[in-house]
């Protein structure tokens, strides 16, 4: 069961938990799908899109639970990134942890993930 990851502001995720539905962050809504990263892509995603941001969560989802709405499509440098063309049911989440940042503003991604 491969895990894929979503970095999300905590407040936005707590709203999703309360409503039972995560439609995505602003960039997801704009692009028409929810952006995820694989473990190998996570560090670069955090650096490129979230450096210096606080109050973030790292959300792990079993990609097999998302069905046909999940597609791996070319993105940065031609790498295949997981994109979800549906809302995410918070019950599909395997685990959530706070995404801490170091003094340099870069987020601390566990070597077990990346």
C-alpha atoms as a PDB file:
ATOM      1  CA  UNK A   1       0.000   0.000   0.000  1.00  0.00           C
ATOM      2  CA  UNK A   2       2.027   2.966  -1.220  1.00  0.00           C
ATOM      3  CA  UNK A   3       1.510   6.158   0.715  1.00  0.00           C
ATOM      4  CA  UNK A   4       1.161   9.547  -0.924  1.00  0.00           C
ATOM      5  CA  UNK A   5       1.397  12.824   0.939  1.00  0.00           C
ATOM      6  CA  UNK A   6      -0.395  16.148   1.133  1.00  0.00           C
ATOM      7  CA  UNK A   7       1.037  19.206   2.878  1.00  0.00           C
ATOM      8  CA  UNK A   8      -1.824  21.306   4.154  1.00  0.00           C
ATOM      9  CA  UNK A   9      -2.346  24.309   6.438  1.00  0.00           C
ATOM     10  CA  UNK A  10      -3.710  22.990   9.710  1.00  0.00           C
ATOM     11  CA  UNK A  11      -6.748  25.282   9.750  1.00  0.00           C
ATOM     12  CA  UNK A  12      -7.808  24.188   6.279  1.00  0.00           C
ATOM     13  CA  UNK A  13      -7.471  20.524   7.205  1.00  0.00           C
ATOM     14  CA  UNK A  14      -9.445  20.958  10.453  1.00  0.00           C
ATOM     15  CA  UNK A  15     -12.272  22.489   8.359  1.00  0.00           C
ATOM     16  CA  UNK A  16     -12.170  19.417   6.118  1.00  0.00           C
ATOM     17  CA  UNK A  17     -12.368  17.094   9.097  1.00  0.00           C
ATOM     18  CA  UNK A  18     -15.380  18.991  10.418  1.00  0.00           C
ATOM     19  CA  UNK A  19     -17.168  18.898   7.061  1.00  0.00           C
ATOM     20  CA  UNK A  20     -16.082  15.358   6.156  1.00  0.00           C
ATOM     21  CA  UNK A  21     -14.638  16.533   2.830  1.00  0.00           C
ATOM     22  CA  UNK A  22     -11.364  18.075   1.645  1.00  0.00           C
ATOM     23  CA  UNK A  23     -11.810  19.817  -1.721  1.00  0.00           C
ATOM     24  CA  UNK A  24      -8.239  21.090  -1.677  1.00  0.00           C
ATOM     25  CA  UNK A  25      -6.206  24.218  -1.107  1.00  0.00           C
ATOM     26  CA  UNK A  26      -6.417  27.246  -3.420  1.00  0.00           C
ATOM     27  CA  UNK A  27      -3.879  25.792  -5.897  1.00  0.00           C
ATOM     28  CA  UNK A  28      -5.807  22.501  -6.004  1.00  0.00           C
ATOM     29  CA  UNK A  29      -9.088  24.263  -6.689  1.00  0.00           C
ATOM     30  CA  UNK A  30      -7.426  26.357  -9.394  1.00  0.00           C
ATOM     31  CA  UNK A  31      -5.839  23.334 -11.107  1.00  0.00           C
ATOM     32  CA  UNK A  32      -8.922  21.102 -10.841  1.00  0.00           C
ATOM     33  CA  UNK A  33      -7.300  18.337  -8.787  1.00  0.00           C
ATOM     34  CA  UNK A  34      -5.699  17.801  -5.390  1.00  0.00           C
ATOM     35  CA  UNK A  35      -1.905  17.750  -5.571  1.00  0.00           C
ATOM     36  CA  UNK A  36      -0.090  14.977  -3.711  1.00  0.00           C
ATOM     37  CA  UNK A  37       3.561  13.925  -3.633  1.00  0.00           C
ATOM     38  CA  UNK A  38       5.248  10.571  -3.296  1.00  0.00           C
ATOM     39  CA  UNK A  39       7.774  10.123  -0.502  1.00  0.00           C
ATOM     40  CA  UNK A  40      10.622  10.753  -2.960  1.00  0.00           C
ATOM     41  CA  UNK A  41       9.002  14.016  -4.133  1.00  0.00           C
ATOM     42  CA  UNK A  42       7.981  15.344  -0.731  1.00  0.00           C
ATOM     43  CA  UNK A  43      11.123  17.228   0.278  1.00  0.00           C
ATOM     44  CA  UNK A  44      11.246  19.167  -3.009  1.00  0.00           C
ATOM     45  CA  UNK A  45       7.529  19.947  -2.803  1.00  0.00           C
ATOM     46  CA  UNK A  46       7.956  21.291   0.730  1.00  0.00           C
ATOM     47  CA  UNK A  47      10.942  23.440  -0.289  1.00  0.00           C
ATOM     48  CA  UNK A  48       9.370  24.774  -3.483  1.00  0.00           C
ATOM     49  CA  UNK A  49       5.843  25.496  -2.266  1.00  0.00           C
ATOM     50  CA  UNK A  50       5.914  25.714   1.548  1.00  0.00           C
ATOM     51  CA  UNK A  51       9.306  27.080   2.679  1.00  0.00           C
ATOM     52  CA  UNK A  52       8.933  29.390   5.655  1.00  0.00           C
ATOM     53  CA  UNK A  53       5.280  28.514   6.238  1.00  0.00           C
ATOM     54  CA  UNK A  54       4.167  27.445   9.685  1.00  0.00           C
ATOM     55  CA  UNK A  55       1.183  25.514  11.071  1.00  0.00           C
ATOM     56  CA  UNK A  56       1.329  22.856   8.363  1.00  0.00           C
ATOM     57  CA  UNK A  57       0.325  19.226   8.553  1.00  0.00           C
ATOM     58  CA  UNK A  58       1.766  16.280   6.691  1.00  0.00           C
ATOM     59  CA  UNK A  59      -1.089  13.995   5.686  1.00  0.00           C
ATOM     60  CA  UNK A  60      -0.460  10.424   4.524  1.00  0.00           C
ATOM     61  CA  UNK A  61      -2.985   8.599   2.361  1.00  0.00           C
ATOM     62  CA  UNK A  62      -2.932   5.047   1.015  1.00  0.00           C
ATOM     63  CA  UNK A  63      -3.131   5.630  -2.742  1.00  0.00           C
ATOM     64  CA  UNK A  64      -5.047   2.377  -3.296  1.00  0.00           C
ATOM     65  CA  UNK A  65      -7.994   3.745  -1.288  1.00  0.00           C
ATOM     66  CA  UNK A  66      -8.539   6.581  -3.764  1.00  0.00           C
ATOM     67  CA  UNK A  67      -9.592   4.475  -6.749  1.00  0.00           C
ATOM     68  CA  UNK A  68      -9.770   5.680 -10.326  1.00  0.00           C
ATOM     69  CA  UNK A  69      -9.974   9.346  -9.315  1.00  0.00           C
ATOM     70  CA  UNK A  70      -6.224   9.172  -8.550  1.00  0.00           C
ATOM     71  CA  UNK A  71      -3.932   9.570 -11.545  1.00  0.00           C
ATOM     72  CA  UNK A  72      -0.154   9.724 -11.748  1.00  0.00           C
ATOM     73  CA  UNK A  73       0.647  12.468 -14.248  1.00  0.00           C
ATOM     74  CA  UNK A  74       3.832  14.167 -15.491  1.00  0.00           C
ATOM     75  CA  UNK A  75       4.759  17.352 -13.666  1.00  0.00           C
ATOM     76  CA  UNK A  76       8.078  18.808 -12.447  1.00  0.00           C
ATOM     77  CA  UNK A  77      10.814  17.546 -14.741  1.00  0.00           C
ATOM     78  CA  UNK A  78       8.517  14.890 -16.195  1.00  0.00           C
ATOM     79  CA  UNK A  79       8.186  13.026 -12.876  1.00  0.00           C
ATOM     80  CA  UNK A  80       4.831  11.351 -12.289  1.00  0.00           C
ATOM     81  CA  UNK A  81       2.935  13.052  -9.472  1.00  0.00           C
ATOM     82  CA  UNK A  82      -0.270  11.764  -7.865  1.00  0.00           C
ATOM     83  CA  UNK A  83      -3.288  13.966  -8.632  1.00  0.00           C
ATOM     84  CA  UNK A  84      -6.719  13.309  -7.142  1.00  0.00           C
ATOM     85  CA  UNK A  85      -9.653  14.331  -9.330  1.00  0.00           C
ATOM     86  CA  UNK A  86     -12.182  14.200  -6.507  1.00  0.00           C
ATOM     87  CA  UNK A  87     -12.593  15.488  -2.987  1.00  0.00           C
ATOM     88  CA  UNK A  88     -10.611  13.621  -0.347  1.00  0.00           C
ATOM     89  CA  UNK A  89     -12.594  11.910   2.376  1.00  0.00           C
ATOM     90  CA  UNK A  90     -10.656  12.513   5.622  1.00  0.00           C
ATOM     91  CA  UNK A  91     -11.459   8.922   6.622  1.00  0.00           C
ATOM     92  CA  UNK A  92      -9.066   7.755   3.862  1.00  0.00           C
ATOM     93  CA  UNK A  93      -6.112   9.267   5.736  1.00  0.00           C
ATOM     94  CA  UNK A  94      -3.670   6.834   7.351  1.00  0.00           C
ATOM     95  CA  UNK A  95      -1.939   9.359   9.602  1.00  0.00           C
ATOM     96  CA  UNK A  96      -1.329  13.081  10.165  1.00  0.00           C
ATOM     97  CA  UNK A  97       1.648  14.765  11.836  1.00  0.00           C
ATOM     98  CA  UNK A  98       2.649  18.405  12.262  1.00  0.00           C
ATOM     99  CA  UNK A  99       5.255  19.430   9.683  1.00  0.00           C
ATOM    100  CA  UNK A 100       7.928  21.206  11.685  1.00  0.00           C
ATOM    101  CA  UNK A 101      10.356  23.657  10.120  1.00  0.00           C
ATOM    102  CA  UNK A 102      13.988  24.124  11.043  1.00  0.00           C
ATOM    103  CA  UNK A 103      15.624  27.487  11.781  1.00  0.00           C
ATOM    104  CA  UNK A 104      16.377  27.868   8.067  1.00  0.00           C
ATOM    105  CA  UNK A 105      12.639  27.733   7.264  1.00  0.00           C
ATOM    106  CA  UNK A 106      12.916  24.351   5.542  1.00  0.00           C
ATOM    107  CA  UNK A 107      10.620  21.614   6.752  1.00  0.00           C
ATOM    108  CA  UNK A 108      11.946  18.563   8.495  1.00  0.00           C
ATOM    109  CA  UNK A 109      11.000  15.498   6.453  1.00  0.00           C
ATOM    110  CA  UNK A 110      11.783  12.142   8.021  1.00  0.00           C
ATOM    111  CA  UNK A 111      14.323  10.033   6.147  1.00  0.00           C
ATOM    112  CA  UNK A 112      11.826   7.168   6.491  1.00  0.00           C
ATOM    113  CA  UNK A 113       9.496   9.060   4.129  1.00  0.00           C
ATOM    114  CA  UNK A 114      11.781  10.874   1.714  1.00  0.00           C
END
